[in-house]
């Protein structure tokens, strides 16, 4: 079976689906320690670098079109 590579916060992961729900990708990233909080408890958004494209849980991500993401809590991170 073909695997589809994607990156979250610089870490590489694989999905067996070419089109996956953003929630699934976030769970994979959490299991691989690319994000620090459980995305099922803390809402996260996947942002495509250098674009205005974002994905949240419930949205389908076409991994042959978008496969590099920055993930952050939906409400944003506080500034230091």
PDB file of N, CA and C in Angstrom:
ATOM      1  N   UNK A   1       0.839  -1.183   0.000  1.00  0.00           N
ATOM      2  CA  UNK A   1       0.000   0.000   0.000  1.00  0.00           C
ATOM      3  C   UNK A   1       0.884   1.247   0.000  1.00  0.00           C
ATOM      4  N   UNK A   2       0.495   2.216  -0.810  1.00  0.00           N
ATOM      5  CA  UNK A   2       1.251   3.459  -0.894  1.00  0.00           C
ATOM      6  C   UNK A   2       1.038   4.292   0.359  1.00  0.00           C
ATOM      7  N   UNK A   3       2.101   4.949   0.804  1.00  0.00           N
ATOM      8  CA  UNK A   3       2.023   5.856   1.950  1.00  0.00           C
ATOM      9  C   UNK A   3       2.273   7.272   1.452  1.00  0.00           C
ATOM     10  N   UNK A   4       1.580   8.217   2.080  1.00  0.00           N
ATOM     11  CA  UNK A   4       1.686   9.619   1.706  1.00  0.00           C
ATOM     12  C   UNK A   4       2.419  10.372   2.806  1.00  0.00           C
ATOM     13  N   UNK A   5       3.529  10.976   2.439  1.00  0.00           N
ATOM     14  CA  UNK A   5       4.366  11.693   3.404  1.00  0.00           C
ATOM     15  C   UNK A   5       3.806  13.087   3.656  1.00  0.00           C
ATOM     16  N   UNK A   6       3.883  13.501   4.920  1.00  0.00           N
ATOM     17  CA  UNK A   6       3.549  14.876   5.274  1.00  0.00           C
ATOM     18  C   UNK A   6       4.415  15.289   6.452  1.00  0.00           C
ATOM     19  N   UNK A   7       4.587  16.603   6.614  1.00  0.00           N
ATOM     20  CA  UNK A   7       5.404  17.137   7.704  1.00  0.00           C
ATOM     21  C   UNK A   7       4.574  18.082   8.558  1.00  0.00           C
ATOM     22  N   UNK A   8       4.761  17.972   9.860  1.00  0.00           N
ATOM     23  CA  UNK A   8       4.125  18.880  10.808  1.00  0.00           C
ATOM     24  C   UNK A   8       5.214  19.399  11.726  1.00  0.00           C
ATOM     25  N   UNK A   9       5.383  20.711  11.763  1.00  0.00           N
ATOM     26  CA  UNK A   9       6.398  21.350  12.615  1.00  0.00           C
ATOM     27  C   UNK A   9       7.782  20.741  12.411  1.00  0.00           C
ATOM     28  N   UNK A  10       8.097  20.414  11.160  1.00  0.00           N
ATOM     29  CA  UNK A  10       9.419  19.904  10.815  1.00  0.00           C
ATOM     30  C   UNK A  10       9.607  18.406  10.961  1.00  0.00           C
ATOM     31  N   UNK A  11       8.624  17.711  11.524  1.00  0.00           N
ATOM     32  CA  UNK A  11       8.714  16.254  11.702  1.00  0.00           C
ATOM     33  C   UNK A  11       7.979  15.557  10.559  1.00  0.00           C
ATOM     34  N   UNK A  12       8.539  14.455  10.067  1.00  0.00           N
ATOM     35  CA  UNK A  12       7.957  13.720   8.948  1.00  0.00           C
ATOM     36  C   UNK A  12       7.095  12.566   9.438  1.00  0.00           C
ATOM     37  N   UNK A  13       5.923  12.435   8.824  1.00  0.00           N
ATOM     38  CA  UNK A  13       4.974  11.372   9.147  1.00  0.00           C
ATOM     39  C   UNK A  13       4.411  10.801   7.857  1.00  0.00           C
ATOM     40  N   UNK A  14       3.633   9.719   7.987  1.00  0.00           N
ATOM     41  CA  UNK A  14       3.039   9.077   6.821  1.00  0.00           C
ATOM     42  C   UNK A  14       1.573   8.752   7.083  1.00  0.00           C
ATOM     43  N   UNK A  15       0.785   8.868   6.035  1.00  0.00           N
ATOM     44  CA  UNK A  15      -0.626   8.506   6.073  1.00  0.00           C
ATOM     45  C   UNK A  15      -0.868   7.454   5.002  1.00  0.00           C
ATOM     46  N   UNK A  16      -1.759   6.535   5.266  1.00  0.00           N
ATOM     47  CA  UNK A  16      -2.117   5.553   4.255  1.00  0.00           C
ATOM     48  C   UNK A  16      -3.168   6.098   3.298  1.00  0.00           C
ATOM     49  N   UNK A  17      -3.740   7.237   3.631  1.00  0.00           N
ATOM     50  CA  UNK A  17      -4.769   7.860   2.806  1.00  0.00           C
ATOM     51  C   UNK A  17      -4.210   9.086   2.087  1.00  0.00           C
ATOM     52  N   UNK A  18      -4.578   9.243   0.827  1.00  0.00           N
ATOM     53  CA  UNK A  18      -4.160  10.420   0.067  1.00  0.00           C
ATOM     54  C   UNK A  18      -4.923  11.658   0.533  1.00  0.00           C
ATOM     55  N   UNK A  19      -6.165  11.466   0.936  1.00  0.00           N
ATOM     56  CA  UNK A  19      -6.984  12.545   1.479  1.00  0.00           C
ATOM     57  C   UNK A  19      -7.376  12.145   2.889  1.00  0.00           C
ATOM     58  N   UNK A  20      -6.964  12.942   3.871  1.00  0.00           N
ATOM     59  CA  UNK A  20      -7.214  12.611   5.272  1.00  0.00           C
ATOM     60  C   UNK A  20      -7.803  13.812   5.996  1.00  0.00           C
ATOM     61  N   UNK A  21      -8.632  13.527   6.980  1.00  0.00           N
ATOM     62  CA  UNK A  21      -9.179  14.580   7.830  1.00  0.00           C
ATOM     63  C   UNK A  21      -8.022  15.220   8.603  1.00  0.00           C
ATOM     64  N   UNK A  22      -8.067  16.522   8.744  1.00  0.00           N
ATOM     65  CA  UNK A  22      -7.019  17.230   9.488  1.00  0.00           C
ATOM     66  C   UNK A  22      -6.885  16.666  10.895  1.00  0.00           C
ATOM     67  N   UNK A  23      -7.981  16.214  11.499  1.00  0.00           N
ATOM     68  CA  UNK A  23      -7.937  15.637  12.848  1.00  0.00           C
ATOM     69  C   UNK A  23      -7.041  14.403  12.885  1.00  0.00           C
ATOM     70  N   UNK A  24      -7.090  13.588  11.847  1.00  0.00           N
ATOM     71  CA  UNK A  24      -6.259  12.379  11.783  1.00  0.00           C
ATOM     72  C   UNK A  24      -4.787  12.772  11.702  1.00  0.00           C
ATOM     73  N   UNK A  25      -4.478  13.748  10.875  1.00  0.00           N
ATOM     74  CA  UNK A  25      -3.085  14.197  10.743  1.00  0.00           C
ATOM     75  C   UNK A  25      -2.583  14.780  12.059  1.00  0.00           C
ATOM     76  N   UNK A  26      -3.433  15.523  12.747  1.00  0.00           N
ATOM     77  CA  UNK A  26      -3.042  16.096  14.038  1.00  0.00           C
ATOM     78  C   UNK A  26      -2.813  15.007  15.081  1.00  0.00           C
ATOM     79  N   UNK A  27      -3.628  13.969  15.081  1.00  0.00           N
ATOM     80  CA  UNK A  27      -3.417  12.857  16.029  1.00  0.00           C
ATOM     81  C   UNK A  27      -2.098  12.148  15.755  1.00  0.00           C
ATOM     82  N   UNK A  28      -1.783  11.959  14.475  1.00  0.00           N
ATOM     83  CA  UNK A  28      -0.499  11.335  14.104  1.00  0.00           C
ATOM     84  C   UNK A  28       0.652  12.223  14.584  1.00  0.00           C
ATOM     85  N   UNK A  29       0.533  13.530  14.380  1.00  0.00           N
ATOM     86  CA  UNK A  29       1.574  14.472  14.807  1.00  0.00           C
ATOM     87  C   UNK A  29       1.728  14.465  16.328  1.00  0.00           C
ATOM     88  N   UNK A  30       0.625  14.377  17.054  1.00  0.00           N
ATOM     89  CA  UNK A  30       0.686  14.327  18.518  1.00  0.00           C
ATOM     90  C   UNK A  30       1.362  13.038  18.975  1.00  0.00           C
ATOM     91  N   UNK A  31       1.016  11.917  18.373  1.00  0.00           N
ATOM     92  CA  UNK A  31       1.643  10.632  18.727  1.00  0.00           C
ATOM     93  C   UNK A  31       3.142  10.662  18.453  1.00  0.00           C
ATOM     94  N   UNK A  32       3.551  11.425  17.431  1.00  0.00           N
ATOM     95  CA  UNK A  32       4.968  11.539  17.083  1.00  0.00           C
ATOM     96  C   UNK A  32       5.663  12.702  17.762  1.00  0.00           C
ATOM     97  N   UNK A  33       4.991  13.346  18.708  1.00  0.00           N
ATOM     98  CA  UNK A  33       5.545  14.434  19.523  1.00  0.00           C
ATOM     99  C   UNK A  33       5.869  15.702  18.735  1.00  0.00           C
ATOM    100  N   UNK A  34       5.211  15.918  17.595  1.00  0.00           N
ATOM    101  CA  UNK A  34       5.415  17.162  16.846  1.00  0.00           C
ATOM    102  C   UNK A  34       4.576  18.298  17.429  1.00  0.00           C
ATOM    103  N   UNK A  35       3.519  17.939  18.160  1.00  0.00           N
ATOM    104  CA  UNK A  35       2.728  18.933  18.880  1.00  0.00           C
ATOM    105  C   UNK A  35       2.615  18.482  20.324  1.00  0.00           C
ATOM    106  N   UNK A  36       2.528  19.436  21.232  1.00  0.00           N
ATOM    107  CA  UNK A  36       2.627  19.127  22.650  1.00  0.00           C
ATOM    108  C   UNK A  36       1.343  18.784  23.372  1.00  0.00           C
ATOM    109  N   UNK A  37       0.190  19.113  22.775  1.00  0.00           N
ATOM    110  CA  UNK A  37      -1.074  18.861  23.464  1.00  0.00           C
ATOM    111  C   UNK A  37      -1.967  17.979  22.599  1.00  0.00           C
ATOM    112  N   UNK A  38      -2.809  17.193  23.245  1.00  0.00           N
ATOM    113  CA  UNK A  38      -3.741  16.311  22.554  1.00  0.00           C
ATOM    114  C   UNK A  38      -4.693  17.149  21.704  1.00  0.00           C
ATOM    115  N   UNK A  39      -4.686  16.964  20.383  1.00  0.00           N
ATOM    116  CA  UNK A  39      -5.543  17.780  19.526  1.00  0.00           C
ATOM    117  C   UNK A  39      -7.036  17.507  19.724  1.00  0.00           C
ATOM    118  N   UNK A  40      -7.380  16.404  20.370  1.00  0.00           N
ATOM    119  CA  UNK A  40      -8.787  16.126  20.663  1.00  0.00           C
ATOM    120  C   UNK A  40      -9.264  16.932  21.869  1.00  0.00           C
ATOM    121  N   UNK A  41      -8.331  17.428  22.676  1.00  0.00           N
ATOM    122  CA  UNK A  41      -8.672  18.219  23.858  1.00  0.00           C
ATOM    123  C   UNK A  41      -8.380  19.700  23.657  1.00  0.00           C
ATOM    124  N   UNK A  42      -7.399  19.998  22.842  1.00  0.00           N
ATOM    125  CA  UNK A  42      -7.014  21.375  22.523  1.00  0.00           C
ATOM    126  C   UNK A  42      -7.132  21.530  21.013  1.00  0.00           C
ATOM    127  N   UNK A  43      -7.982  22.422  20.559  1.00  0.00           N
ATOM    128  CA  UNK A  43      -8.147  22.613  19.123  1.00  0.00           C
ATOM    129  C   UNK A  43      -6.875  23.105  18.469  1.00  0.00           C
ATOM    130  N   UNK A  44      -6.509  22.481  17.374  1.00  0.00           N
ATOM    131  CA  UNK A  44      -5.317  22.872  16.619  1.00  0.00           C
ATOM    132  C   UNK A  44      -5.709  23.230  15.195  1.00  0.00           C
ATOM    133  N   UNK A  45      -4.894  24.047  14.586  1.00  0.00           N
ATOM    134  CA  UNK A  45      -5.053  24.382  13.175  1.00  0.00           C
ATOM    135  C   UNK A  45      -3.751  24.011  12.466  1.00  0.00           C
ATOM    136  N   UNK A  46      -3.891  23.461  11.268  1.00  0.00           N
ATOM    137  CA  UNK A  46      -2.736  23.185  10.408  1.00  0.00           C
ATOM    138  C   UNK A  46      -2.630  24.336   9.420  1.00  0.00           C
ATOM    139  N   UNK A  47      -1.488  24.999   9.399  1.00  0.00           N
ATOM    140  CA  UNK A  47      -1.268  26.111   8.475  1.00  0.00           C
ATOM    141  C   UNK A  47      -0.229  25.685   7.433  1.00  0.00           C
ATOM    142  N   UNK A  48      -0.517  25.994   6.186  1.00  0.00           N
ATOM    143  CA  UNK A  48       0.435  25.749   5.108  1.00  0.00           C
ATOM    144  C   UNK A  48       1.382  26.943   5.081  1.00  0.00           C
ATOM    145  N   UNK A  49       2.690  26.702   5.265  1.00  0.00           N
ATOM    146  CA  UNK A  49       3.645  27.824   5.294  1.00  0.00           C
ATOM    147  C   UNK A  49       3.572  28.682   4.024  1.00  0.00           C
ATOM    148  N   UNK A  50       3.785  29.967   4.197  1.00  0.00           N
ATOM    149  CA  UNK A  50       3.831  30.939   3.096  1.00  0.00           C
ATOM    150  C   UNK A  50       2.545  30.990   2.279  1.00  0.00           C
ATOM    151  N   UNK A  51       1.404  30.730   2.942  1.00  0.00           N
ATOM    152  CA  UNK A  51       0.113  30.847   2.259  1.00  0.00           C
ATOM    153  C   UNK A  51      -0.961  31.148   3.302  1.00  0.00           C
ATOM    154  N   UNK A  52      -2.155  31.402   2.843  1.00  0.00           N
ATOM    155  CA  UNK A  52      -3.280  31.638   3.743  1.00  0.00           C
ATOM    156  C   UNK A  52      -4.116  30.383   3.940  1.00  0.00           C
ATOM    157  N   UNK A  53      -3.625  29.234   3.495  1.00  0.00           N
ATOM    158  CA  UNK A  53      -4.375  27.984   3.564  1.00  0.00           C
ATOM    159  C   UNK A  53      -4.239  27.382   4.959  1.00  0.00           C
ATOM    160  N   UNK A  54      -5.390  27.064   5.568  1.00  0.00           N
ATOM    161  CA  UNK A  54      -5.411  26.417   6.882  1.00  0.00           C
ATOM    162  C   UNK A  54      -6.421  25.280   6.865  1.00  0.00           C
ATOM    163  N   UNK A  55      -6.223  24.336   7.781  1.00  0.00           N
ATOM    164  CA  UNK A  55      -7.137  23.209   7.942  1.00  0.00           C
ATOM    165  C   UNK A  55      -7.398  23.002   9.421  1.00  0.00           C
ATOM    166  N   UNK A  56      -8.641  22.690   9.762  1.00  0.00           N
ATOM    167  CA  UNK A  56      -9.018  22.339  11.128  1.00  0.00           C
ATOM    168  C   UNK A  56      -9.721  20.986  11.092  1.00  0.00           C
ATOM    169  N   UNK A  57      -9.912  20.399  12.260  1.00  0.00           N
ATOM    170  CA  UNK A  57     -10.599  19.115  12.345  1.00  0.00           C
ATOM    171  C   UNK A  57     -11.908  19.168  11.580  1.00  0.00           C
ATOM    172  N   UNK A  58     -12.155  18.123  10.806  1.00  0.00           N
ATOM    173  CA  UNK A  58     -13.356  18.058   9.993  1.00  0.00           C
ATOM    174  C   UNK A  58     -13.128  18.440   8.541  1.00  0.00           C
ATOM    175  N   UNK A  59     -11.977  19.037   8.252  1.00  0.00           N
ATOM    176  CA  UNK A  59     -11.660  19.406   6.871  1.00  0.00           C
ATOM    177  C   UNK A  59     -10.743  18.360   6.256  1.00  0.00           C
ATOM    178  N   UNK A  60     -11.003  18.046   4.999  1.00  0.00           N
ATOM    179  CA  UNK A  60     -10.218  17.061   4.274  1.00  0.00           C
ATOM    180  C   UNK A  60      -8.962  17.712   3.696  1.00  0.00           C
ATOM    181  N   UNK A  61      -7.813  17.077   3.917  1.00  0.00           N
ATOM    182  CA  UNK A  61      -6.531  17.571   3.415  1.00  0.00           C
ATOM    183  C   UNK A  61      -6.079  16.645   2.293  1.00  0.00           C
ATOM    184  N   UNK A  62      -5.859  17.211   1.116  1.00  0.00           N
ATOM    185  CA  UNK A  62      -5.345  16.449  -0.029  1.00  0.00           C
ATOM    186  C   UNK A  62      -3.815  16.443   0.072  1.00  0.00           C
ATOM    187  N   UNK A  63      -3.259  15.318   0.482  1.00  0.00           N
ATOM    188  CA  UNK A  63      -1.818  15.259   0.750  1.00  0.00           C
ATOM    189  C   UNK A  63      -0.958  15.312  -0.505  1.00  0.00           C
ATOM    190  N   UNK A  64      -1.546  15.112  -1.677  1.00  0.00           N
ATOM    191  CA  UNK A  64      -0.756  15.293  -2.891  1.00  0.00           C
ATOM    192  C   UNK A  64      -0.674  16.768  -3.276  1.00  0.00           C
ATOM    193  N   UNK A  65      -1.511  17.603  -2.656  1.00  0.00           N
ATOM    194  CA  UNK A  65      -1.485  19.046  -2.909  1.00  0.00           C
ATOM    195  C   UNK A  65      -0.818  19.814  -1.769  1.00  0.00           C
ATOM    196  N   UNK A  66      -1.150  19.467  -0.533  1.00  0.00           N
ATOM    197  CA  UNK A  66      -0.583  20.112   0.662  1.00  0.00           C
ATOM    198  C   UNK A  66       0.001  19.036   1.561  1.00  0.00           C
ATOM    199  N   UNK A  67       1.274  19.181   1.929  1.00  0.00           N
ATOM    200  CA  UNK A  67       1.875  18.151   2.783  1.00  0.00           C
ATOM    201  C   UNK A  67       2.921  18.688   3.758  1.00  0.00           C
ATOM    202  N   UNK A  68       3.050  20.005   3.865  1.00  0.00           N
ATOM    203  CA  UNK A  68       3.942  20.621   4.846  1.00  0.00           C
ATOM    204  C   UNK A  68       3.101  21.608   5.650  1.00  0.00           C
ATOM    205  N   UNK A  69       3.137  21.446   6.985  1.00  0.00           N
ATOM    206  CA  UNK A  69       2.266  22.239   7.845  1.00  0.00           C
ATOM    207  C   UNK A  69       2.998  22.742   9.085  1.00  0.00           C
ATOM    208  N   UNK A  70       2.503  23.855   9.605  1.00  0.00           N
ATOM    209  CA  UNK A  70       2.839  24.320  10.949  1.00  0.00           C
ATOM    210  C   UNK A  70       1.555  24.120  11.743  1.00  0.00           C
ATOM    211  N   UNK A  71       1.655  23.515  12.897  1.00  0.00           N
ATOM    212  CA  UNK A  71       0.473  23.289  13.731  1.00  0.00           C
ATOM    213  C   UNK A  71       0.585  24.136  14.992  1.00  0.00           C
ATOM    214  N   UNK A  72      -0.533  24.750  15.368  1.00  0.00           N
ATOM    215  CA  UNK A  72      -0.593  25.574  16.576  1.00  0.00           C
ATOM    216  C   UNK A  72      -2.012  25.521  17.108  1.00  0.00           C
ATOM    217  N   UNK A  73      -2.156  25.770  18.407  1.00  0.00           N
ATOM    218  CA  UNK A  73      -3.513  25.835  18.964  1.00  0.00           C
ATOM    219  C   UNK A  73      -4.340  26.869  18.196  1.00  0.00           C
ATOM    220  N   UNK A  74      -5.626  26.590  18.028  1.00  0.00           N
ATOM    221  CA  UNK A  74      -6.502  27.469  17.247  1.00  0.00           C
ATOM    222  C   UNK A  74      -6.571  28.881  17.788  1.00  0.00           C
ATOM    223  N   UNK A  75      -6.515  29.039  19.109  1.00  0.00           N
ATOM    224  CA  UNK A  75      -6.629  30.377  19.674  1.00  0.00           C
ATOM    225  C   UNK A  75      -5.323  31.149  19.617  1.00  0.00           C
ATOM    226  N   UNK A  76      -4.268  30.532  19.099  1.00  0.00           N
ATOM    227  CA  UNK A  76      -2.989  31.214  18.951  1.00  0.00           C
ATOM    228  C   UNK A  76      -2.129  31.116  20.187  1.00  0.00           C
ATOM    229  N   UNK A  77      -0.883  31.329  20.007  1.00  0.00           N
ATOM    230  CA  UNK A  77       0.070  31.256  21.122  1.00  0.00           C
ATOM    231  C   UNK A  77       0.283  32.642  21.705  1.00  0.00           C
ATOM    232  N   UNK A  78       0.425  32.736  23.013  1.00  0.00           N
ATOM    233  CA  UNK A  78       0.693  34.044  23.613  1.00  0.00           C
ATOM    234  C   UNK A  78       2.096  34.525  23.247  1.00  0.00           C
ATOM    235  N   UNK A  79       2.235  35.837  23.137  1.00  0.00           N
ATOM    236  CA  UNK A  79       3.542  36.408  22.811  1.00  0.00           C
ATOM    237  C   UNK A  79       4.309  36.688  24.089  1.00  0.00           C
ATOM    238  N   UNK A  80       5.596  36.443  24.042  1.00  0.00           N
ATOM    239  CA  UNK A  80       6.438  36.672  25.218  1.00  0.00           C
ATOM    240  C   UNK A  80       6.905  38.108  25.266  1.00  0.00           C
TER     241      UNK A  80
END
